[in-house]
Amino acid sequence: MSHFQINLHEAIYSLSDALDLVGVTHIHHGKRVAFMAAECGKYLNWPRPQLDELFQAAILHDCGVSKTAVHAKLAQLEWELEGEHCDIGASLLASCALLRGLAPIVRHHHTHWSALQQLDLPPELKLAANCIYLVDRVDILTLKFVTSGTDILLGKDDIREQIHQHRG
């Protein structure tokens, strides 16, 4: 049997590049979400291993999106009805021993906090999934301003208000 040495971080980054090329309309979305999620984790003083797991789950959070139509719905804030891509992504990750630990976070990255609280999951997993949920929405809302040529800073109050309306 052959043995390969794999740099997991490089492999995950390559998977993120592949996601940008197949069925996704917002290039580098996973990378932006991963960066913002990690920054939130740093702000919350999460330990390095937890930050690393958060970054990896965030960069692959939409690996279950296989149709542009699904991604378009997510971009229109219709994420409550699109849990299917979360389950597909979690199943894909669970099928790989190296990525299996990311599957529960990806499965719940569109689960509302109130529903997450009711689940029998470790608190770190709930926080990671919710963190990805939040920054995912911020990235999508920000893209509306970027694509229209409007300065993001001019839209920050609108973005905050939309996030605030969906709190809980």
N, C-alpha and C. Protein backbone atom coordinates (compact mmCIF):
# COMPACT_ATOMS: atom_id res chain seq x y z
N MET A 1 0.83 -1.17 0.00
CA MET A 1 0.00 0.00 0.00
C MET A 1 0.89 1.24 0.00
N SER A 2 0.50 2.24 -0.78
CA SER A 2 1.25 3.48 -0.87
C SER A 2 0.89 4.40 0.29
N HIS A 3 1.86 5.18 0.70
CA HIS A 3 1.64 6.18 1.74
C HIS A 3 2.02 7.54 1.18
N PHE A 4 1.17 8.51 1.44
CA PHE A 4 1.40 9.85 0.97
C PHE A 4 1.48 10.79 2.14
N GLN A 5 2.34 11.77 2.02
CA GLN A 5 2.37 12.83 3.01
C GLN A 5 1.55 13.98 2.45
N ILE A 6 0.52 14.38 3.19
CA ILE A 6 -0.39 15.42 2.72
C ILE A 6 -0.34 16.59 3.69
N ASN A 7 -0.17 17.77 3.13
CA ASN A 7 -0.30 18.98 3.93
C ASN A 7 -1.79 19.31 3.94
N LEU A 8 -2.45 19.06 5.06
CA LEU A 8 -3.90 19.23 5.14
C LEU A 8 -4.34 20.65 4.82
N HIS A 9 -3.60 21.62 5.29
CA HIS A 9 -3.98 23.01 5.03
C HIS A 9 -3.93 23.33 3.54
N GLU A 10 -2.90 22.86 2.85
CA GLU A 10 -2.81 23.09 1.40
C GLU A 10 -3.92 22.35 0.66
N ALA A 11 -4.24 21.14 1.11
CA ALA A 11 -5.32 20.38 0.47
C ALA A 11 -6.66 21.09 0.64
N ILE A 12 -6.92 21.60 1.83
CA ILE A 12 -8.17 22.31 2.09
C ILE A 12 -8.24 23.60 1.27
N TYR A 13 -7.12 24.30 1.17
CA TYR A 13 -7.11 25.52 0.37
C TYR A 13 -7.37 25.20 -1.10
N SER A 14 -6.82 24.09 -1.58
CA SER A 14 -7.07 23.65 -2.95
C SER A 14 -8.53 23.29 -3.16
N LEU A 15 -9.13 22.63 -2.17
CA LEU A 15 -10.56 22.32 -2.26
C LEU A 15 -11.38 23.61 -2.35
N SER A 16 -10.98 24.62 -1.59
CA SER A 16 -11.67 25.90 -1.64
C SER A 16 -11.54 26.53 -3.03
N ASP A 17 -10.37 26.42 -3.63
CA ASP A 17 -10.18 26.91 -5.00
C ASP A 17 -11.12 26.18 -5.96
N ALA A 18 -11.25 24.87 -5.79
CA ALA A 18 -12.14 24.08 -6.65
C ALA A 18 -13.59 24.52 -6.47
N LEU A 19 -14.00 24.80 -5.23
CA LEU A 19 -15.36 25.27 -4.98
C LEU A 19 -15.63 26.59 -5.69
N ASP A 20 -14.62 27.43 -5.80
CA ASP A 20 -14.78 28.71 -6.49
C ASP A 20 -15.06 28.52 -7.98
N LEU A 21 -14.69 27.37 -8.52
CA LEU A 21 -14.82 27.14 -9.95
C LEU A 21 -16.07 26.35 -10.35
N VAL A 22 -16.76 25.77 -9.39
CA VAL A 22 -17.87 24.86 -9.71
C VAL A 22 -19.15 25.31 -9.00
N GLY A 23 -20.09 25.79 -9.74
CA GLY A 23 -21.43 26.04 -9.23
C GLY A 23 -21.56 27.14 -8.20
N VAL A 24 -20.55 27.95 -8.03
CA VAL A 24 -20.62 29.03 -7.05
C VAL A 24 -20.43 30.35 -7.80
N THR A 25 -21.28 31.29 -7.52
CA THR A 25 -21.23 32.55 -8.25
C THR A 25 -20.38 33.61 -7.56
N HIS A 26 -20.01 33.39 -6.31
CA HIS A 26 -19.24 34.38 -5.57
C HIS A 26 -17.84 33.83 -5.30
N ILE A 27 -16.90 34.23 -6.13
CA ILE A 27 -15.54 33.74 -6.04
C ILE A 27 -14.90 34.18 -4.72
N HIS A 28 -14.19 33.26 -4.11
CA HIS A 28 -13.45 33.45 -2.85
C HIS A 28 -14.35 33.64 -1.63
N HIS A 29 -15.63 33.31 -1.75
CA HIS A 29 -16.56 33.44 -0.63
C HIS A 29 -16.07 32.63 0.57
N GLY A 30 -15.69 31.38 0.35
CA GLY A 30 -15.24 30.53 1.45
C GLY A 30 -14.01 31.09 2.14
N LYS A 31 -13.10 31.64 1.36
CA LYS A 31 -11.88 32.21 1.94
C LYS A 31 -12.20 33.44 2.79
N ARG A 32 -13.11 34.29 2.29
CA ARG A 32 -13.48 35.48 3.07
C ARG A 32 -14.18 35.07 4.37
N VAL A 33 -15.09 34.11 4.27
CA VAL A 33 -15.79 33.63 5.46
C VAL A 33 -14.79 33.04 6.45
N ALA A 34 -13.83 32.27 5.95
CA ALA A 34 -12.83 31.67 6.83
C ALA A 34 -11.99 32.74 7.53
N PHE A 35 -11.58 33.74 6.79
CA PHE A 35 -10.78 34.81 7.38
C PHE A 35 -11.58 35.56 8.45
N MET A 36 -12.82 35.94 8.12
CA MET A 36 -13.64 36.68 9.09
C MET A 36 -13.96 35.83 10.32
N ALA A 37 -14.25 34.56 10.11
CA ALA A 37 -14.55 33.68 11.24
C ALA A 37 -13.32 33.56 12.15
N ALA A 38 -12.16 33.38 11.56
CA ALA A 38 -10.93 33.27 12.36
C ALA A 38 -10.67 34.56 13.12
N GLU A 39 -10.93 35.69 12.50
CA GLU A 39 -10.74 36.97 13.20
C GLU A 39 -11.70 37.09 14.38
N CYS A 40 -12.93 36.62 14.20
CA CYS A 40 -13.88 36.61 15.32
C CYS A 40 -13.38 35.70 16.44
N GLY A 41 -12.89 34.53 16.06
CA GLY A 41 -12.35 33.60 17.05
C GLY A 41 -11.17 34.18 17.80
N LYS A 42 -10.30 34.89 17.09
CA LYS A 42 -9.17 35.56 17.76
C LYS A 42 -9.67 36.59 18.75
N TYR A 43 -10.66 37.36 18.34
CA TYR A 43 -11.24 38.38 19.21
C TYR A 43 -11.80 37.75 20.48
N LEU A 44 -12.33 36.52 20.36
CA LEU A 44 -12.90 35.80 21.50
C LEU A 44 -11.85 34.99 22.26
N ASN A 45 -10.58 35.14 21.87
CA ASN A 45 -9.45 34.46 22.51
C ASN A 45 -9.56 32.94 22.45
N TRP A 46 -10.05 32.42 21.32
CA TRP A 46 -10.10 30.97 21.17
C TRP A 46 -8.68 30.43 21.03
N PRO A 47 -8.43 29.24 21.56
CA PRO A 47 -7.09 28.65 21.43
C PRO A 47 -6.78 28.29 19.97
N ARG A 48 -5.52 28.22 19.65
CA ARG A 48 -5.05 27.98 18.28
C ARG A 48 -5.70 26.76 17.63
N PRO A 49 -5.80 25.60 18.29
CA PRO A 49 -6.44 24.45 17.63
C PRO A 49 -7.91 24.71 17.26
N GLN A 50 -8.60 25.43 18.11
CA GLN A 50 -10.01 25.76 17.84
C GLN A 50 -10.11 26.75 16.67
N LEU A 51 -9.19 27.71 16.61
CA LEU A 51 -9.15 28.65 15.48
C LEU A 51 -8.87 27.93 14.18
N ASP A 52 -7.95 26.97 14.23
CA ASP A 52 -7.60 26.22 13.04
C ASP A 52 -8.80 25.41 12.52
N GLU A 53 -9.49 24.76 13.43
CA GLU A 53 -10.68 24.00 13.04
C GLU A 53 -11.77 24.92 12.48
N LEU A 54 -11.96 26.07 13.11
CA LEU A 54 -12.94 27.05 12.64
C LEU A 54 -12.59 27.51 11.23
N PHE A 55 -11.34 27.83 10.99
CA PHE A 55 -10.91 28.29 9.67
C PHE A 55 -11.17 27.21 8.63
N GLN A 56 -10.80 25.97 8.95
CA GLN A 56 -10.97 24.88 7.99
C GLN A 56 -12.45 24.63 7.68
N ALA A 57 -13.28 24.62 8.71
CA ALA A 57 -14.72 24.41 8.49
C ALA A 57 -15.31 25.57 7.68
N ALA A 58 -14.87 26.78 7.99
CA ALA A 58 -15.41 27.96 7.31
C ALA A 58 -15.02 28.00 5.84
N ILE A 59 -13.79 27.63 5.54
CA ILE A 59 -13.35 27.69 4.14
C ILE A 59 -14.08 26.65 3.28
N LEU A 60 -14.56 25.57 3.93
CA LEU A 60 -15.28 24.51 3.22
C LEU A 60 -16.78 24.51 3.51
N HIS A 61 -17.29 25.53 4.17
CA HIS A 61 -18.68 25.50 4.64
C HIS A 61 -19.71 25.29 3.54
N ASP A 62 -19.42 25.70 2.32
CA ASP A 62 -20.37 25.53 1.22
C ASP A 62 -19.99 24.38 0.28
N CYS A 63 -19.22 23.43 0.78
CA CYS A 63 -18.80 22.32 -0.10
C CYS A 63 -19.99 21.47 -0.57
N GLY A 64 -21.14 21.61 0.06
CA GLY A 64 -22.33 20.88 -0.35
C GLY A 64 -23.17 21.62 -1.38
N VAL A 65 -22.75 22.82 -1.77
CA VAL A 65 -23.47 23.57 -2.80
C VAL A 65 -23.01 23.04 -4.15
N SER A 66 -23.93 22.41 -4.85
CA SER A 66 -23.56 21.84 -6.14
C SER A 66 -24.31 22.48 -7.29
N LYS A 67 -25.20 23.39 -6.99
CA LYS A 67 -25.99 24.02 -8.04
C LYS A 67 -25.96 25.53 -7.85
N THR A 68 -25.76 26.25 -8.93
CA THR A 68 -25.74 27.70 -8.85
C THR A 68 -27.07 28.24 -8.32
N ALA A 69 -28.19 27.58 -8.65
CA ALA A 69 -29.50 28.04 -8.17
C ALA A 69 -29.56 28.00 -6.65
N VAL A 70 -28.98 26.98 -6.03
CA VAL A 70 -28.96 26.89 -4.57
C VAL A 70 -28.14 28.04 -4.01
N HIS A 71 -26.98 28.29 -4.60
CA HIS A 71 -26.12 29.36 -4.11
C HIS A 71 -26.79 30.72 -4.28
N ALA A 72 -27.52 30.90 -5.37
CA ALA A 72 -28.22 32.17 -5.59
C ALA A 72 -29.26 32.41 -4.50
N LYS A 73 -29.97 31.36 -4.07
CA LYS A 73 -30.94 31.51 -2.98
C LYS A 73 -30.23 31.91 -1.69
N LEU A 74 -29.07 31.30 -1.44
CA LEU A 74 -28.33 31.64 -0.23
C LEU A 74 -27.90 33.10 -0.26
N ALA A 75 -27.54 33.58 -1.43
CA ALA A 75 -27.10 34.96 -1.57
C ALA A 75 -28.26 35.94 -1.38
N GLN A 76 -29.49 35.48 -1.51
CA GLN A 76 -30.65 36.34 -1.34
C GLN A 76 -31.24 36.24 0.08
N LEU A 77 -30.47 35.73 1.02
CA LEU A 77 -30.87 35.59 2.42
C LEU A 77 -32.03 34.61 2.60
N GLU A 78 -32.10 33.61 1.73
CA GLU A 78 -33.11 32.57 1.86
C GLU A 78 -32.48 31.31 2.45
N TRP A 79 -31.50 31.51 3.34
CA TRP A 79 -30.74 30.37 3.85
C TRP A 79 -31.55 29.46 4.76
N GLU A 80 -32.62 29.94 5.34
CA GLU A 80 -33.38 29.09 6.25
C GLU A 80 -33.94 27.87 5.54
N LEU A 81 -34.21 27.99 4.25
CA LEU A 81 -34.82 26.91 3.49
C LEU A 81 -33.79 26.05 2.77
N GLU A 82 -32.53 26.32 2.94
CA GLU A 82 -31.50 25.63 2.17
C GLU A 82 -30.56 24.80 3.05
N GLY A 83 -31.12 24.04 3.96
CA GLY A 83 -30.30 23.18 4.81
C GLY A 83 -29.74 21.99 4.08
N GLU A 84 -30.28 21.70 2.89
CA GLU A 84 -29.81 20.53 2.15
C GLU A 84 -28.31 20.59 1.87
N HIS A 85 -27.80 21.76 1.48
CA HIS A 85 -26.38 21.85 1.16
C HIS A 85 -25.52 21.64 2.41
N CYS A 86 -26.07 21.95 3.58
CA CYS A 86 -25.34 21.71 4.83
C CYS A 86 -25.19 20.20 5.07
N ASP A 87 -26.27 19.47 4.86
CA ASP A 87 -26.23 18.01 5.03
C ASP A 87 -25.34 17.35 4.01
N ILE A 88 -25.41 17.81 2.76
CA ILE A 88 -24.57 17.24 1.70
C ILE A 88 -23.10 17.51 2.02
N GLY A 89 -22.79 18.74 2.40
CA GLY A 89 -21.41 19.08 2.74
C GLY A 89 -20.89 18.28 3.91
N ALA A 90 -21.72 18.13 4.95
CA ALA A 90 -21.31 17.35 6.12
C ALA A 90 -21.07 15.90 5.74
N SER A 91 -21.91 15.35 4.88
CA SER A 91 -21.72 13.97 4.44
C SER A 91 -20.43 13.80 3.65
N LEU A 92 -20.15 14.77 2.79
CA LEU A 92 -18.89 14.73 2.02
C LEU A 92 -17.68 14.75 2.95
N LEU A 93 -17.70 15.66 3.91
CA LEU A 93 -16.58 15.77 4.84
C LEU A 93 -16.46 14.55 5.74
N ALA A 94 -17.59 14.00 6.16
CA ALA A 94 -17.58 12.82 7.03
C ALA A 94 -17.01 11.59 6.33
N SER A 95 -17.05 11.60 5.01
CA SER A 95 -16.53 10.45 4.26
C SER A 95 -15.01 10.45 4.16
N CYS A 96 -14.36 11.51 4.62
CA CYS A 96 -12.90 11.61 4.57
C CYS A 96 -12.37 11.68 6.01
N ALA A 97 -11.53 10.72 6.35
CA ALA A 97 -11.03 10.64 7.73
C ALA A 97 -10.35 11.94 8.18
N LEU A 98 -9.63 12.60 7.30
CA LEU A 98 -8.92 13.82 7.66
C LEU A 98 -9.84 15.02 7.89
N LEU A 99 -11.04 14.97 7.32
CA LEU A 99 -11.96 16.11 7.41
C LEU A 99 -13.20 15.81 8.25
N ARG A 100 -13.31 14.62 8.74
CA ARG A 100 -14.49 14.16 9.48
C ARG A 100 -14.87 15.09 10.64
N GLY A 101 -13.89 15.62 11.34
CA GLY A 101 -14.16 16.50 12.48
C GLY A 101 -14.84 17.81 12.11
N LEU A 102 -14.76 18.20 10.84
CA LEU A 102 -15.38 19.44 10.38
C LEU A 102 -16.85 19.26 10.04
N ALA A 103 -17.27 18.01 9.83
CA ALA A 103 -18.62 17.73 9.35
C ALA A 103 -19.72 18.30 10.23
N PRO A 104 -19.67 18.15 11.56
CA PRO A 104 -20.77 18.70 12.38
C PRO A 104 -20.87 20.23 12.30
N ILE A 105 -19.75 20.89 12.19
CA ILE A 105 -19.78 22.36 12.08
C ILE A 105 -20.44 22.76 10.77
N VAL A 106 -20.03 22.11 9.68
CA VAL A 106 -20.62 22.41 8.37
C VAL A 106 -22.11 22.05 8.35
N ARG A 107 -22.47 20.94 8.98
CA ARG A 107 -23.89 20.54 9.02
C ARG A 107 -24.76 21.62 9.66
N HIS A 108 -24.23 22.35 10.61
CA HIS A 108 -25.03 23.31 11.37
C HIS A 108 -24.71 24.77 11.08
N HIS A 109 -24.00 25.05 9.97
CA HIS A 109 -23.61 26.43 9.72
C HIS A 109 -24.76 27.33 9.26
N HIS A 110 -25.95 26.78 9.07
CA HIS A 110 -27.14 27.61 8.81
C HIS A 110 -28.23 27.33 9.86
N THR A 111 -27.84 26.75 10.97
CA THR A 111 -28.81 26.48 12.04
C THR A 111 -28.87 27.71 12.95
N HIS A 112 -30.06 28.20 13.18
CA HIS A 112 -30.22 29.37 14.05
C HIS A 112 -29.73 29.05 15.46
N TRP A 113 -29.23 30.07 16.12
CA TRP A 113 -28.70 29.91 17.48
C TRP A 113 -29.72 29.28 18.42
N SER A 114 -30.97 29.70 18.32
CA SER A 114 -32.00 29.16 19.21
C SER A 114 -32.16 27.65 19.00
N ALA A 115 -32.04 27.19 17.78
CA ALA A 115 -32.12 25.75 17.50
C ALA A 115 -30.84 25.04 17.93
N LEU A 116 -29.70 25.68 17.72
CA LEU A 116 -28.42 25.09 18.14
C LEU A 116 -28.39 24.85 19.64
N GLN A 117 -28.96 25.77 20.39
CA GLN A 117 -28.97 25.65 21.84
C GLN A 117 -29.69 24.39 22.30
N GLN A 118 -30.65 23.92 21.52
CA GLN A 118 -31.43 22.75 21.89
C GLN A 118 -30.74 21.43 21.53
N LEU A 119 -29.70 21.50 20.73
CA LEU A 119 -29.02 20.28 20.27
C LEU A 119 -27.98 19.81 21.28
N ASP A 120 -27.81 18.51 21.35
CA ASP A 120 -26.81 17.91 22.24
C ASP A 120 -25.46 17.88 21.52
N LEU A 121 -24.83 19.04 21.48
CA LEU A 121 -23.54 19.20 20.81
C LEU A 121 -22.60 19.94 21.75
N PRO A 122 -21.30 19.74 21.58
CA PRO A 122 -20.34 20.49 22.40
C PRO A 122 -20.49 22.00 22.17
N PRO A 123 -20.34 22.79 23.23
CA PRO A 123 -20.49 24.25 23.09
C PRO A 123 -19.56 24.85 22.04
N GLU A 124 -18.34 24.32 21.92
CA GLU A 124 -17.39 24.85 20.93
C GLU A 124 -17.91 24.67 19.51
N LEU A 125 -18.56 23.53 19.26
CA LEU A 125 -19.11 23.26 17.94
C LEU A 125 -20.25 24.22 17.64
N LYS A 126 -21.12 24.44 18.62
CA LYS A 126 -22.23 25.37 18.43
C LYS A 126 -21.72 26.77 18.12
N LEU A 127 -20.70 27.22 18.88
CA LEU A 127 -20.15 28.55 18.66
C LEU A 127 -19.48 28.66 17.29
N ALA A 128 -18.76 27.63 16.88
CA ALA A 128 -18.09 27.65 15.58
C ALA A 128 -19.12 27.71 14.45
N ALA A 129 -20.15 26.88 14.53
CA ALA A 129 -21.19 26.88 13.50
C ALA A 129 -21.89 28.24 13.44
N ASN A 130 -22.19 28.81 14.60
CA ASN A 130 -22.88 30.09 14.64
C ASN A 130 -21.99 31.22 14.15
N CYS A 131 -20.71 31.14 14.44
CA CYS A 131 -19.76 32.14 13.97
C CYS A 131 -19.73 32.14 12.43
N ILE A 132 -19.66 30.94 11.85
CA ILE A 132 -19.66 30.83 10.39
C ILE A 132 -20.96 31.37 9.82
N TYR A 133 -22.07 31.05 10.48
CA TYR A 133 -23.39 31.54 10.06
C TYR A 133 -23.39 33.06 9.97
N LEU A 134 -22.90 33.70 11.02
CA LEU A 134 -22.89 35.16 11.07
C LEU A 134 -22.01 35.76 9.98
N VAL A 135 -20.76 35.33 9.88
CA VAL A 135 -19.86 35.96 8.92
C VAL A 135 -20.22 35.59 7.49
N ASP A 136 -20.85 34.45 7.29
CA ASP A 136 -21.35 34.07 5.97
C ASP A 136 -22.38 35.10 5.51
N ARG A 137 -23.30 35.45 6.40
CA ARG A 137 -24.32 36.45 6.06
C ARG A 137 -23.69 37.81 5.83
N VAL A 138 -22.72 38.19 6.65
CA VAL A 138 -22.06 39.48 6.48
C VAL A 138 -21.38 39.53 5.11
N ASP A 139 -20.72 38.44 4.71
CA ASP A 139 -20.04 38.43 3.42
C ASP A 139 -21.05 38.58 2.28
N ILE A 140 -22.15 37.86 2.35
CA ILE A 140 -23.15 37.96 1.29
C ILE A 140 -23.74 39.37 1.22
N LEU A 141 -24.04 39.94 2.37
CA LEU A 141 -24.59 41.30 2.39
C LEU A 141 -23.58 42.32 1.88
N THR A 142 -22.31 42.12 2.19
CA THR A 142 -21.25 43.01 1.74
C THR A 142 -21.10 42.96 0.22
N LEU A 143 -21.25 41.77 -0.35
CA LEU A 143 -21.09 41.61 -1.80
C LEU A 143 -22.08 42.46 -2.59
N LYS A 144 -23.25 42.69 -2.03
CA LYS A 144 -24.23 43.52 -2.74
C LYS A 144 -23.68 44.93 -2.97
N PHE A 145 -22.94 45.43 -2.00
CA PHE A 145 -22.37 46.78 -2.13
C PHE A 145 -21.18 46.76 -3.07
N VAL A 146 -20.36 45.74 -2.95
CA VAL A 146 -19.17 45.63 -3.80
C VAL A 146 -19.57 45.53 -5.27
N THR A 147 -20.54 44.65 -5.56
CA THR A 147 -20.94 44.44 -6.96
C THR A 147 -21.66 45.65 -7.55
N SER A 148 -22.26 46.48 -6.71
CA SER A 148 -22.93 47.68 -7.21
C SER A 148 -21.98 48.86 -7.31
N GLY A 149 -20.75 48.69 -6.84
CA GLY A 149 -19.77 49.76 -6.88
C GLY A 149 -19.90 50.75 -5.74
N THR A 150 -20.71 50.40 -4.75
CA THR A 150 -20.90 51.27 -3.58
C THR A 150 -19.86 50.94 -2.52
N ASP A 151 -19.35 51.96 -1.87
CA ASP A 151 -18.37 51.75 -0.79
C ASP A 151 -19.01 50.93 0.33
N ILE A 152 -18.33 49.89 0.75
CA ILE A 152 -18.84 49.01 1.80
C ILE A 152 -19.15 49.79 3.08
N LEU A 153 -18.29 50.75 3.39
CA LEU A 153 -18.50 51.53 4.62
C LEU A 153 -19.82 52.30 4.60
N LEU A 154 -20.28 52.66 3.40
CA LEU A 154 -21.56 53.35 3.31
C LEU A 154 -22.73 52.40 3.57
N GLY A 155 -22.48 51.10 3.45
CA GLY A 155 -23.53 50.12 3.67
C GLY A 155 -23.49 49.44 5.01
N LYS A 156 -22.53 49.81 5.85
CA LYS A 156 -22.37 49.08 7.12
C LYS A 156 -23.60 49.15 8.01
N ASP A 157 -24.27 50.28 8.05
CA ASP A 157 -25.46 50.38 8.89
C ASP A 157 -26.59 49.49 8.35
N ASP A 158 -26.73 49.44 7.03
CA ASP A 158 -27.73 48.57 6.42
C ASP A 158 -27.42 47.10 6.70
N ILE A 159 -26.15 46.74 6.59
CA ILE A 159 -25.73 45.36 6.87
C ILE A 159 -26.02 45.01 8.33
N ARG A 160 -25.65 45.89 9.23
CA ARG A 160 -25.92 45.66 10.66
C ARG A 160 -27.42 45.48 10.92
N GLU A 161 -28.22 46.32 10.29
CA GLU A 161 -29.67 46.24 10.49
C GLU A 161 -30.23 44.92 9.98
N GLN A 162 -29.77 44.47 8.82
CA GLN A 162 -30.27 43.20 8.29
C GLN A 162 -29.85 42.03 9.18
N ILE A 163 -28.62 42.06 9.68
CA ILE A 163 -28.16 41.02 10.59
C ILE A 163 -28.99 41.08 11.88
N HIS A 164 -29.21 42.27 12.36
CA HIS A 164 -29.99 42.46 13.60
C HIS A 164 -31.42 41.92 13.43
N GLN A 165 -32.02 42.11 12.28
CA GLN A 165 -33.37 41.62 12.03
C GLN A 165 -33.45 40.08 12.08
N HIS A 166 -32.35 39.41 11.80
CA HIS A 166 -32.33 37.95 11.78
C HIS A 166 -31.67 37.37 13.03
N ARG A 167 -31.51 38.17 14.06
CA ARG A 167 -30.83 37.69 15.27
C ARG A 167 -31.64 36.58 15.94
N GLY A 168 -31.01 35.92 16.87
CA GLY A 168 -31.69 34.86 17.61
C GLY A 168 -31.37 33.52 17.01
